[in-house]
Amino acid sequence: MRWGEWEESITAYTNALDVLMKLKNAGIYTAEHDKCSSSLMILSTMQNIGKSYTELGIYEKALEIYSEVIRFYRADEMLRYSENSGSQNDCVGRGIDTSTDMARVYQSMGKLYMYLGNTVKSMDLYLQALSIFRSIDSSQYIFDIASLLGNIGWLHLKKQEFEEAEAVLNEALNVYNRNGEGNPDCPIFPAIELFIECWKT
């Protein structure tokens, strides 16, 4: 997408979010658009706004949006895990696990902080995302885990922590080679192999 198209997408998503929030706050739902679906649509729309600002290079605004996503996730009774979770009226009770959405938000924020040069904050967010993916059925999120390990490895490289970088990047390679070898969408992993080979010599 071109610059103008990303700006248009922000306008469209922001308008959609405004409508969704007004409907939710007014308690207006339909059979197809129940409380859980409403919360999920709001969550997705907010994430799309954050992604659009990221693509435009407006990183601080993207971080602001992603922080709002996290606040919404933690406050919304349909999404958060609580003692009352498990009824058919909320997302948890219907078997919809939104924790991976938060993991990807943390991952996106980690990348933004890396772009802004805050490696400490970036590392913390990457580790939070990694912890979430590993706490669930990780076999479904192999690429996410390998990608996060790769990002963490590169952060160690930026901090000139070469032994730590080698260990984490090796782990990323092991995960990738065991489950995703040959995936054309993973160009980072041959570069990791090259780094490790050079580091050993």
N, C-alpha and C. Protein backbone atom coordinates (compact mmCIF):
# COMPACT_ATOMS: atom_id res chain seq x y z
N MET A 1 0.83 -1.20 0.00
CA MET A 1 0.00 0.00 0.00
C MET A 1 0.87 1.25 0.00
N ARG A 2 0.39 2.29 -0.68
CA ARG A 2 1.11 3.56 -0.70
C ARG A 2 0.76 4.38 0.53
N TRP A 3 1.55 5.45 0.75
CA TRP A 3 1.38 6.30 1.93
C TRP A 3 -0.06 6.76 2.08
N GLY A 4 -0.64 7.30 1.01
CA GLY A 4 -2.00 7.80 1.08
C GLY A 4 -3.01 6.74 1.43
N GLU A 5 -2.75 5.51 0.96
CA GLU A 5 -3.67 4.41 1.25
C GLU A 5 -3.64 4.04 2.73
N TRP A 6 -2.46 4.09 3.35
CA TRP A 6 -2.38 3.82 4.78
C TRP A 6 -3.10 4.90 5.57
N GLU A 7 -2.97 6.15 5.12
CA GLU A 7 -3.70 7.23 5.79
C GLU A 7 -5.21 7.03 5.67
N GLU A 8 -5.65 6.61 4.49
CA GLU A 8 -7.08 6.33 4.28
C GLU A 8 -7.56 5.18 5.16
N SER A 9 -6.69 4.19 5.32
CA SER A 9 -7.08 3.04 6.16
C SER A 9 -7.24 3.46 7.62
N ILE A 10 -6.38 4.38 8.08
CA ILE A 10 -6.51 4.88 9.45
C ILE A 10 -7.84 5.58 9.64
N THR A 11 -8.21 6.41 8.66
CA THR A 11 -9.50 7.11 8.74
C THR A 11 -10.66 6.12 8.77
N ALA A 12 -10.59 5.12 7.90
CA ALA A 12 -11.68 4.14 7.82
C ALA A 12 -11.77 3.32 9.10
N TYR A 13 -10.63 2.85 9.59
CA TYR A 13 -10.63 2.04 10.82
C TYR A 13 -11.06 2.87 12.02
N THR A 14 -10.64 4.13 12.07
CA THR A 14 -11.02 5.00 13.20
C THR A 14 -12.52 5.25 13.21
N ASN A 15 -13.09 5.48 12.02
CA ASN A 15 -14.54 5.68 11.93
C ASN A 15 -15.29 4.41 12.34
N ALA A 16 -14.77 3.26 11.89
CA ALA A 16 -15.40 1.98 12.24
C ALA A 16 -15.32 1.75 13.75
N LEU A 17 -14.17 2.08 14.34
CA LEU A 17 -14.00 1.90 15.78
C LEU A 17 -14.98 2.77 16.56
N ASP A 18 -15.17 3.99 16.08
CA ASP A 18 -16.10 4.91 16.75
C ASP A 18 -17.52 4.32 16.76
N VAL A 19 -17.93 3.76 15.64
CA VAL A 19 -19.26 3.14 15.55
C VAL A 19 -19.37 1.93 16.46
N LEU A 20 -18.35 1.06 16.41
CA LEU A 20 -18.35 -0.16 17.23
C LEU A 20 -18.41 0.16 18.72
N MET A 21 -17.66 1.19 19.14
CA MET A 21 -17.65 1.55 20.55
C MET A 21 -19.00 2.13 20.98
N LYS A 22 -19.61 2.92 20.11
CA LYS A 22 -20.92 3.50 20.44
C LYS A 22 -21.97 2.41 20.58
N LEU A 23 -21.94 1.42 19.68
CA LEU A 23 -22.89 0.31 19.75
C LEU A 23 -22.67 -0.50 21.02
N LYS A 24 -21.40 -0.76 21.33
CA LYS A 24 -21.08 -1.55 22.52
C LYS A 24 -21.52 -0.82 23.79
N ASN A 25 -21.20 0.47 23.86
CA ASN A 25 -21.56 1.25 25.05
C ASN A 25 -23.07 1.39 25.21
N ALA A 26 -23.78 1.34 24.08
CA ALA A 26 -25.25 1.45 24.14
C ALA A 26 -25.90 0.09 24.38
N GLY A 27 -25.08 -0.97 24.37
CA GLY A 27 -25.62 -2.30 24.60
C GLY A 27 -26.42 -2.84 23.44
N ILE A 28 -26.06 -2.41 22.23
CA ILE A 28 -26.80 -2.84 21.04
C ILE A 28 -26.06 -4.00 20.39
N TYR A 29 -26.69 -5.16 20.35
CA TYR A 29 -26.09 -6.35 19.76
C TYR A 29 -27.13 -7.07 18.92
N THR A 30 -26.67 -7.92 18.01
CA THR A 30 -27.55 -8.78 17.23
C THR A 30 -27.09 -10.21 17.41
N ALA A 31 -27.84 -11.15 16.86
CA ALA A 31 -27.44 -12.56 16.96
C ALA A 31 -26.08 -12.79 16.32
N GLU A 32 -25.80 -12.07 15.23
CA GLU A 32 -24.52 -12.23 14.55
C GLU A 32 -23.43 -11.38 15.19
N HIS A 33 -23.83 -10.38 15.93
CA HIS A 33 -22.87 -9.43 16.49
C HIS A 33 -23.12 -9.33 17.99
N ASP A 34 -22.81 -10.43 18.70
CA ASP A 34 -23.06 -10.50 20.14
C ASP A 34 -21.94 -9.81 20.90
N LYS A 35 -21.97 -9.92 22.24
CA LYS A 35 -20.99 -9.22 23.05
C LYS A 35 -19.57 -9.65 22.76
N CYS A 36 -19.36 -10.98 22.64
CA CYS A 36 -18.01 -11.47 22.35
C CYS A 36 -17.53 -10.99 20.99
N SER A 37 -18.37 -11.14 19.98
CA SER A 37 -17.99 -10.72 18.62
C SER A 37 -17.70 -9.23 18.57
N SER A 38 -18.49 -8.45 19.31
CA SER A 38 -18.27 -7.01 19.36
C SER A 38 -16.89 -6.68 19.92
N SER A 39 -16.54 -7.34 21.02
CA SER A 39 -15.23 -7.09 21.64
C SER A 39 -14.10 -7.50 20.70
N LEU A 40 -14.27 -8.63 20.02
CA LEU A 40 -13.24 -9.11 19.10
C LEU A 40 -13.07 -8.15 17.92
N MET A 41 -14.17 -7.60 17.41
CA MET A 41 -14.09 -6.66 16.29
C MET A 41 -13.40 -5.37 16.72
N ILE A 42 -13.69 -4.91 17.93
CA ILE A 42 -13.03 -3.70 18.44
C ILE A 42 -11.54 -3.95 18.59
N LEU A 43 -11.20 -5.10 19.15
CA LEU A 43 -9.79 -5.47 19.33
C LEU A 43 -9.06 -5.50 18.00
N SER A 44 -9.66 -6.13 17.00
CA SER A 44 -9.04 -6.25 15.68
C SER A 44 -8.90 -4.89 15.00
N THR A 45 -9.92 -4.05 15.12
CA THR A 45 -9.89 -2.73 14.49
C THR A 45 -8.81 -1.86 15.10
N MET A 46 -8.67 -1.90 16.41
CA MET A 46 -7.62 -1.13 17.08
C MET A 46 -6.24 -1.60 16.63
N GLN A 47 -6.07 -2.91 16.51
CA GLN A 47 -4.79 -3.44 16.05
C GLN A 47 -4.48 -2.99 14.63
N ASN A 48 -5.49 -2.93 13.77
CA ASN A 48 -5.28 -2.48 12.40
C ASN A 48 -4.87 -1.01 12.34
N ILE A 49 -5.41 -0.21 13.25
CA ILE A 49 -4.99 1.20 13.32
C ILE A 49 -3.52 1.27 13.73
N GLY A 50 -3.13 0.48 14.73
CA GLY A 50 -1.74 0.46 15.15
C GLY A 50 -0.81 0.04 14.04
N LYS A 51 -1.22 -0.99 13.28
CA LYS A 51 -0.40 -1.46 12.16
C LYS A 51 -0.26 -0.37 11.10
N SER A 52 -1.33 0.35 10.83
CA SER A 52 -1.29 1.41 9.81
C SER A 52 -0.33 2.53 10.20
N TYR A 53 -0.35 2.93 11.47
CA TYR A 53 0.60 3.95 11.92
C TYR A 53 2.03 3.43 11.84
N THR A 54 2.21 2.14 12.11
CA THR A 54 3.55 1.55 12.01
C THR A 54 4.05 1.64 10.57
N GLU A 55 3.19 1.28 9.62
CA GLU A 55 3.58 1.31 8.21
C GLU A 55 3.91 2.72 7.75
N LEU A 56 3.28 3.71 8.38
CA LEU A 56 3.57 5.11 8.04
C LEU A 56 4.82 5.63 8.74
N GLY A 57 5.40 4.81 9.63
CA GLY A 57 6.59 5.23 10.36
C GLY A 57 6.30 6.16 11.52
N ILE A 58 5.03 6.24 11.93
CA ILE A 58 4.65 7.10 13.06
C ILE A 58 4.62 6.20 14.30
N TYR A 59 5.80 5.87 14.79
CA TYR A 59 5.95 4.82 15.79
C TYR A 59 5.36 5.18 17.15
N GLU A 60 5.53 6.44 17.55
CA GLU A 60 5.00 6.83 18.86
C GLU A 60 3.49 6.71 18.89
N LYS A 61 2.83 7.11 17.80
CA LYS A 61 1.37 7.00 17.74
C LYS A 61 0.95 5.54 17.71
N ALA A 62 1.71 4.71 16.99
CA ALA A 62 1.40 3.28 16.95
C ALA A 62 1.49 2.67 18.35
N LEU A 63 2.52 3.06 19.10
CA LEU A 63 2.66 2.57 20.48
C LEU A 63 1.49 3.02 21.34
N GLU A 64 1.05 4.24 21.14
CA GLU A 64 -0.10 4.75 21.89
C GLU A 64 -1.34 3.91 21.61
N ILE A 65 -1.56 3.56 20.35
CA ILE A 65 -2.72 2.75 19.97
C ILE A 65 -2.60 1.35 20.56
N TYR A 66 -1.43 0.75 20.46
CA TYR A 66 -1.25 -0.60 21.01
C TYR A 66 -1.42 -0.61 22.53
N SER A 67 -1.02 0.46 23.19
CA SER A 67 -1.24 0.55 24.64
C SER A 67 -2.74 0.60 24.95
N GLU A 68 -3.50 1.27 24.09
CA GLU A 68 -4.95 1.30 24.26
C GLU A 68 -5.55 -0.09 24.05
N VAL A 69 -4.97 -0.84 23.10
CA VAL A 69 -5.43 -2.21 22.86
C VAL A 69 -5.28 -3.04 24.13
N ILE A 70 -4.12 -2.92 24.78
CA ILE A 70 -3.86 -3.69 26.00
C ILE A 70 -4.82 -3.28 27.11
N ARG A 71 -5.06 -1.98 27.25
CA ARG A 71 -6.00 -1.51 28.28
C ARG A 71 -7.40 -2.04 28.02
N PHE A 72 -7.82 -2.02 26.76
CA PHE A 72 -9.14 -2.53 26.41
C PHE A 72 -9.23 -4.03 26.71
N TYR A 73 -8.20 -4.76 26.34
CA TYR A 73 -8.18 -6.20 26.56
C TYR A 73 -8.29 -6.54 28.04
N ARG A 74 -7.56 -5.81 28.86
CA ARG A 74 -7.56 -6.09 30.29
C ARG A 74 -8.87 -5.66 30.97
N ALA A 75 -9.55 -4.69 30.41
CA ALA A 75 -10.76 -4.17 31.05
C ALA A 75 -12.04 -4.83 30.56
N ASP A 76 -12.02 -5.36 29.34
CA ASP A 76 -13.25 -5.88 28.75
C ASP A 76 -13.64 -7.22 29.36
N GLU A 77 -14.84 -7.30 29.88
CA GLU A 77 -15.28 -8.51 30.57
C GLU A 77 -15.45 -9.71 29.63
N MET A 78 -15.58 -9.46 28.34
CA MET A 78 -15.72 -10.55 27.39
C MET A 78 -14.39 -11.20 27.05
N LEU A 79 -13.29 -10.48 27.25
CA LEU A 79 -11.99 -10.95 26.81
C LEU A 79 -11.12 -11.45 27.94
N ARG A 80 -11.17 -10.78 29.07
CA ARG A 80 -10.20 -11.11 30.12
C ARG A 80 -10.59 -12.39 30.85
N TYR A 81 -9.56 -13.07 31.33
CA TYR A 81 -9.79 -14.25 32.16
C TYR A 81 -10.10 -13.78 33.58
N SER A 82 -11.15 -14.36 34.19
CA SER A 82 -11.50 -14.01 35.55
C SER A 82 -12.22 -15.19 36.20
N GLU A 83 -12.59 -15.04 37.45
CA GLU A 83 -13.29 -16.12 38.15
C GLU A 83 -14.64 -16.42 37.50
N ASN A 84 -15.19 -15.43 36.80
CA ASN A 84 -16.49 -15.61 36.17
C ASN A 84 -16.39 -16.11 34.73
N SER A 85 -15.15 -16.22 34.22
CA SER A 85 -14.99 -16.67 32.85
C SER A 85 -15.41 -18.12 32.73
N GLY A 86 -15.92 -18.46 31.56
CA GLY A 86 -16.30 -19.84 31.32
C GLY A 86 -17.75 -20.01 30.93
N SER A 87 -18.54 -18.95 31.07
CA SER A 87 -19.93 -19.04 30.64
C SER A 87 -19.99 -18.91 29.13
N GLN A 88 -21.10 -19.33 28.54
CA GLN A 88 -21.25 -19.24 27.10
C GLN A 88 -21.47 -17.81 26.62
N ASN A 89 -21.55 -16.88 27.57
CA ASN A 89 -21.77 -15.49 27.20
C ASN A 89 -20.47 -14.73 26.91
N ASP A 90 -19.34 -15.29 27.29
CA ASP A 90 -18.10 -14.58 27.03
C ASP A 90 -17.22 -15.38 26.08
N CYS A 91 -16.14 -14.73 25.62
CA CYS A 91 -15.27 -15.36 24.62
C CYS A 91 -14.56 -16.58 25.19
N VAL A 92 -14.16 -16.51 26.46
CA VAL A 92 -13.44 -17.61 27.09
C VAL A 92 -14.31 -18.86 27.14
N GLY A 93 -15.57 -18.66 27.54
CA GLY A 93 -16.49 -19.78 27.64
C GLY A 93 -16.78 -20.43 26.31
N ARG A 94 -16.60 -19.68 25.23
CA ARG A 94 -16.85 -20.22 23.89
C ARG A 94 -15.58 -20.78 23.26
N GLY A 95 -14.54 -20.88 24.06
CA GLY A 95 -13.30 -21.48 23.57
C GLY A 95 -12.47 -20.58 22.70
N ILE A 96 -12.69 -19.28 22.77
CA ILE A 96 -11.93 -18.33 21.96
C ILE A 96 -10.79 -17.76 22.80
N ASP A 97 -9.57 -18.14 22.45
CA ASP A 97 -8.39 -17.71 23.21
C ASP A 97 -7.82 -16.46 22.57
N THR A 98 -7.95 -15.33 23.26
CA THR A 98 -7.45 -14.07 22.72
C THR A 98 -6.05 -13.74 23.22
N SER A 99 -5.45 -14.65 23.99
CA SER A 99 -4.12 -14.36 24.53
C SER A 99 -3.08 -14.22 23.42
N THR A 100 -3.28 -14.93 22.30
CA THR A 100 -2.33 -14.80 21.20
C THR A 100 -2.41 -13.42 20.55
N ASP A 101 -3.60 -12.81 20.59
CA ASP A 101 -3.72 -11.43 20.09
C ASP A 101 -2.83 -10.51 20.90
N MET A 102 -2.84 -10.70 22.22
CA MET A 102 -2.01 -9.86 23.07
C MET A 102 -0.53 -10.15 22.85
N ALA A 103 -0.20 -11.41 22.62
CA ALA A 103 1.19 -11.76 22.35
C ALA A 103 1.69 -11.03 21.12
N ARG A 104 0.85 -10.95 20.10
CA ARG A 104 1.26 -10.27 18.86
C ARG A 104 1.30 -8.75 19.06
N VAL A 105 0.47 -8.23 19.94
CA VAL A 105 0.55 -6.80 20.27
C VAL A 105 1.88 -6.52 20.97
N TYR A 106 2.25 -7.36 21.95
CA TYR A 106 3.54 -7.19 22.61
C TYR A 106 4.68 -7.29 21.61
N GLN A 107 4.56 -8.23 20.68
CA GLN A 107 5.59 -8.40 19.67
C GLN A 107 5.71 -7.15 18.78
N SER A 108 4.57 -6.61 18.38
CA SER A 108 4.57 -5.39 17.56
C SER A 108 5.17 -4.21 18.32
N MET A 109 4.81 -4.10 19.60
CA MET A 109 5.36 -3.01 20.41
C MET A 109 6.86 -3.19 20.62
N GLY A 110 7.28 -4.43 20.77
CA GLY A 110 8.71 -4.70 20.92
C GLY A 110 9.50 -4.24 19.70
N LYS A 111 8.93 -4.49 18.52
CA LYS A 111 9.59 -4.06 17.29
C LYS A 111 9.64 -2.54 17.19
N LEU A 112 8.55 -1.88 17.61
CA LEU A 112 8.52 -0.42 17.57
C LEU A 112 9.57 0.18 18.50
N TYR A 113 9.67 -0.37 19.71
CA TYR A 113 10.68 0.14 20.64
C TYR A 113 12.09 -0.12 20.11
N MET A 114 12.26 -1.23 19.38
CA MET A 114 13.56 -1.50 18.78
C MET A 114 13.88 -0.44 17.73
N TYR A 115 12.88 -0.08 16.91
CA TYR A 115 13.07 0.98 15.92
C TYR A 115 13.45 2.29 16.58
N LEU A 116 12.89 2.53 17.78
CA LEU A 116 13.15 3.78 18.50
C LEU A 116 14.41 3.74 19.35
N GLY A 117 15.09 2.59 19.32
CA GLY A 117 16.37 2.47 20.03
C GLY A 117 16.27 2.09 21.49
N ASN A 118 15.08 1.75 21.96
CA ASN A 118 14.91 1.35 23.36
C ASN A 118 14.99 -0.17 23.44
N THR A 119 16.21 -0.70 23.50
CA THR A 119 16.39 -2.15 23.47
C THR A 119 15.91 -2.83 24.75
N VAL A 120 15.96 -2.12 25.86
CA VAL A 120 15.51 -2.70 27.14
C VAL A 120 14.01 -2.96 27.10
N LYS A 121 13.25 -1.96 26.71
CA LYS A 121 11.79 -2.10 26.62
C LYS A 121 11.42 -3.12 25.55
N SER A 122 12.15 -3.08 24.45
CA SER A 122 11.90 -4.02 23.37
C SER A 122 12.09 -5.46 23.83
N MET A 123 13.18 -5.71 24.54
CA MET A 123 13.47 -7.05 25.04
C MET A 123 12.37 -7.52 25.99
N ASP A 124 11.95 -6.65 26.88
CA ASP A 124 10.92 -7.01 27.85
C ASP A 124 9.62 -7.43 27.15
N LEU A 125 9.22 -6.69 26.11
CA LEU A 125 7.99 -6.99 25.39
C LEU A 125 8.11 -8.27 24.57
N TYR A 126 9.27 -8.47 23.95
CA TYR A 126 9.49 -9.71 23.20
C TYR A 126 9.40 -10.92 24.14
N LEU A 127 9.97 -10.80 25.32
CA LEU A 127 9.95 -11.91 26.28
C LEU A 127 8.53 -12.18 26.78
N GLN A 128 7.75 -11.12 26.96
CA GLN A 128 6.35 -11.31 27.36
C GLN A 128 5.58 -12.06 26.27
N ALA A 129 5.80 -11.67 25.03
CA ALA A 129 5.12 -12.34 23.92
C ALA A 129 5.55 -13.80 23.82
N LEU A 130 6.84 -14.04 23.97
CA LEU A 130 7.36 -15.41 23.89
C LEU A 130 6.76 -16.27 24.99
N SER A 131 6.65 -15.72 26.19
CA SER A 131 6.09 -16.46 27.32
C SER A 131 4.64 -16.88 27.04
N ILE A 132 3.87 -15.99 26.43
CA ILE A 132 2.47 -16.32 26.13
C ILE A 132 2.40 -17.44 25.10
N PHE A 133 3.16 -17.33 24.02
CA PHE A 133 3.11 -18.36 22.98
C PHE A 133 3.55 -19.72 23.53
N ARG A 134 4.51 -19.72 24.43
CA ARG A 134 5.00 -20.98 24.98
C ARG A 134 4.05 -21.56 26.03
N SER A 135 3.16 -20.73 26.56
CA SER A 135 2.25 -21.21 27.61
C SER A 135 1.03 -21.91 27.03
N ILE A 136 0.82 -21.79 25.73
CA ILE A 136 -0.32 -22.44 25.09
C ILE A 136 0.20 -23.55 24.18
N ASP A 137 -0.63 -24.06 23.31
CA ASP A 137 -0.22 -25.13 22.40
C ASP A 137 0.77 -24.56 21.39
N SER A 138 2.04 -24.59 21.75
CA SER A 138 3.07 -23.91 20.96
C SER A 138 3.24 -24.49 19.56
N SER A 139 2.77 -25.72 19.33
CA SER A 139 2.92 -26.32 18.02
C SER A 139 2.17 -25.54 16.95
N GLN A 140 1.17 -24.77 17.38
CA GLN A 140 0.41 -23.95 16.43
C GLN A 140 1.10 -22.63 16.12
N TYR A 141 2.08 -22.28 16.92
CA TYR A 141 2.70 -20.96 16.79
C TYR A 141 4.22 -21.05 16.65
N ILE A 142 4.65 -22.07 15.90
CA ILE A 142 6.08 -22.30 15.73
C ILE A 142 6.76 -21.11 15.09
N PHE A 143 6.17 -20.57 14.02
CA PHE A 143 6.83 -19.46 13.35
C PHE A 143 6.89 -18.24 14.26
N ASP A 144 5.82 -17.99 15.04
CA ASP A 144 5.83 -16.86 15.98
C ASP A 144 6.97 -17.00 16.98
N ILE A 145 7.13 -18.22 17.50
CA ILE A 145 8.17 -18.46 18.50
C ILE A 145 9.56 -18.29 17.88
N ALA A 146 9.76 -18.89 16.69
CA ALA A 146 11.05 -18.78 16.03
C ALA A 146 11.37 -17.32 15.67
N SER A 147 10.36 -16.60 15.21
CA SER A 147 10.55 -15.19 14.86
C SER A 147 10.92 -14.35 16.08
N LEU A 148 10.22 -14.59 17.20
CA LEU A 148 10.53 -13.87 18.43
C LEU A 148 11.94 -14.17 18.91
N LEU A 149 12.33 -15.43 18.86
CA LEU A 149 13.70 -15.79 19.26
C LEU A 149 14.71 -15.09 18.36
N GLY A 150 14.40 -15.01 17.07
CA GLY A 150 15.29 -14.29 16.16
C GLY A 150 15.40 -12.82 16.53
N ASN A 151 14.27 -12.19 16.86
CA ASN A 151 14.28 -10.78 17.26
C ASN A 151 15.08 -10.57 18.55
N ILE A 152 14.88 -11.49 19.50
CA ILE A 152 15.62 -11.40 20.77
C ILE A 152 17.12 -11.56 20.51
N GLY A 153 17.46 -12.47 19.61
CA GLY A 153 18.87 -12.66 19.26
C GLY A 153 19.48 -11.41 18.66
N TRP A 154 18.73 -10.75 17.76
CA TRP A 154 19.25 -9.52 17.16
C TRP A 154 19.43 -8.41 18.19
N LEU A 155 18.54 -8.38 19.19
CA LEU A 155 18.71 -7.39 20.25
C LEU A 155 20.01 -7.64 21.02
N HIS A 156 20.30 -8.91 21.29
CA HIS A 156 21.57 -9.23 21.94
C HIS A 156 22.75 -8.79 21.07
N LEU A 157 22.62 -8.94 19.77
CA LEU A 157 23.68 -8.49 18.86
C LEU A 157 23.87 -6.99 18.95
N LYS A 158 22.75 -6.23 18.96
CA LYS A 158 22.85 -4.77 19.04
C LYS A 158 23.54 -4.34 20.32
N LYS A 159 23.38 -5.14 21.38
CA LYS A 159 24.01 -4.83 22.66
C LYS A 159 25.39 -5.47 22.78
N GLN A 160 25.86 -6.07 21.67
CA GLN A 160 27.16 -6.73 21.61
C GLN A 160 27.29 -7.86 22.65
N GLU A 161 26.18 -8.52 22.91
CA GLU A 161 26.17 -9.69 23.78
C GLU A 161 26.20 -10.93 22.89
N PHE A 162 27.38 -11.19 22.35
CA PHE A 162 27.50 -12.15 21.25
C PHE A 162 27.23 -13.59 21.67
N GLU A 163 27.66 -13.99 22.85
CA GLU A 163 27.41 -15.36 23.27
C GLU A 163 25.93 -15.60 23.51
N GLU A 164 25.26 -14.61 24.13
CA GLU A 164 23.81 -14.71 24.34
C GLU A 164 23.09 -14.75 23.00
N ALA A 165 23.57 -13.92 22.05
CA ALA A 165 22.96 -13.88 20.73
C ALA A 165 23.09 -15.24 20.04
N GLU A 166 24.26 -15.84 20.12
CA GLU A 166 24.47 -17.13 19.48
C GLU A 166 23.53 -18.19 20.05
N ALA A 167 23.39 -18.20 21.39
CA ALA A 167 22.54 -19.20 22.03
C ALA A 167 21.09 -19.05 21.60
N VAL A 168 20.58 -17.81 21.60
CA VAL A 168 19.18 -17.59 21.26
C VAL A 168 18.95 -17.83 19.77
N LEU A 169 19.87 -17.39 18.93
CA LEU A 169 19.70 -17.58 17.49
C LEU A 169 19.79 -19.05 17.12
N ASN A 170 20.64 -19.79 17.82
CA ASN A 170 20.68 -21.24 17.61
C ASN A 170 19.35 -21.88 17.96
N GLU A 171 18.76 -21.40 19.05
CA GLU A 171 17.45 -21.92 19.45
C GLU A 171 16.40 -21.61 18.39
N ALA A 172 16.47 -20.38 17.85
CA ALA A 172 15.53 -20.00 16.79
C ALA A 172 15.69 -20.90 15.57
N LEU A 173 16.95 -21.18 15.22
CA LEU A 173 17.22 -22.06 14.08
C LEU A 173 16.70 -23.46 14.33
N ASN A 174 16.90 -23.96 15.54
CA ASN A 174 16.44 -25.30 15.86
C ASN A 174 14.92 -25.41 15.75
N VAL A 175 14.23 -24.40 16.24
CA VAL A 175 12.77 -24.39 16.14
C VAL A 175 12.35 -24.32 14.68
N TYR A 176 13.01 -23.46 13.93
CA TYR A 176 12.67 -23.26 12.52
C TYR A 176 12.95 -24.52 11.70
N ASN A 177 14.14 -25.09 11.87
CA ASN A 177 14.52 -26.26 11.08
C ASN A 177 13.69 -27.49 11.43
N ARG A 178 13.25 -27.54 12.68
CA ARG A 178 12.46 -28.68 13.11
C ARG A 178 11.03 -28.61 12.59
N ASN A 179 10.56 -27.39 12.34
CA ASN A 179 9.14 -27.25 12.01
C ASN A 179 8.83 -26.42 10.78
N GLY A 180 9.76 -25.58 10.33
CA GLY A 180 9.39 -24.68 9.24
C GLY A 180 10.43 -24.59 8.14
N GLU A 181 11.28 -25.58 8.00
CA GLU A 181 12.35 -25.53 7.02
C GLU A 181 11.78 -25.40 5.62
N GLY A 182 12.37 -24.49 4.87
CA GLY A 182 11.94 -24.30 3.50
C GLY A 182 10.82 -23.29 3.32
N ASN A 183 10.37 -22.69 4.40
CA ASN A 183 9.30 -21.70 4.31
C ASN A 183 9.84 -20.44 3.64
N PRO A 184 9.31 -20.06 2.46
CA PRO A 184 9.84 -18.89 1.74
C PRO A 184 9.55 -17.58 2.44
N ASP A 185 8.66 -17.61 3.45
CA ASP A 185 8.33 -16.38 4.18
C ASP A 185 9.30 -16.11 5.32
N CYS A 186 10.34 -16.90 5.45
CA CYS A 186 11.26 -16.79 6.58
C CYS A 186 12.68 -16.47 6.10
N PRO A 187 12.91 -15.34 5.42
CA PRO A 187 14.24 -15.05 4.88
C PRO A 187 15.28 -14.77 5.95
N ILE A 188 14.85 -14.52 7.20
CA ILE A 188 15.80 -14.16 8.25
C ILE A 188 16.67 -15.33 8.66
N PHE A 189 16.18 -16.56 8.52
CA PHE A 189 16.88 -17.70 9.10
C PHE A 189 18.17 -18.08 8.38
N PRO A 190 18.25 -18.01 7.04
CA PRO A 190 19.55 -18.20 6.41
C PRO A 190 20.59 -17.18 6.88
N ALA A 191 20.14 -15.94 7.15
CA ALA A 191 21.05 -14.91 7.67
C ALA A 191 21.54 -15.28 9.05
N ILE A 192 20.68 -15.87 9.87
CA ILE A 192 21.08 -16.32 11.20
C ILE A 192 22.15 -17.40 11.09
N GLU A 193 21.93 -18.35 10.17
CA GLU A 193 22.91 -19.42 9.98
C GLU A 193 24.27 -18.85 9.58
N LEU A 194 24.25 -17.84 8.70
CA LEU A 194 25.49 -17.20 8.26
C LEU A 194 26.20 -16.54 9.43
N PHE A 195 25.44 -15.82 10.28
CA PHE A 195 26.05 -15.16 11.44
C PHE A 195 26.71 -16.17 12.35
N ILE A 196 25.98 -17.26 12.68
CA ILE A 196 26.52 -18.24 13.60
C ILE A 196 27.78 -18.88 13.05
N GLU A 197 27.78 -19.13 11.74
CA GLU A 197 28.97 -19.73 11.12
C GLU A 197 30.17 -18.80 11.22
N CYS A 198 29.94 -17.50 10.97
CA CYS A 198 31.02 -16.51 11.08
C CYS A 198 31.49 -16.36 12.52
N TRP A 199 30.56 -16.38 13.46
CA TRP A 199 30.87 -16.23 14.88
C TRP A 199 31.74 -17.38 15.37
N LYS A 200 31.50 -18.58 14.86
CA LYS A 200 32.26 -19.73 15.31
C LYS A 200 33.67 -19.75 14.73
N THR A 201 33.86 -19.09 13.57
CA THR A 201 35.17 -19.07 12.93
C THR A 201 35.91 -17.83 13.30
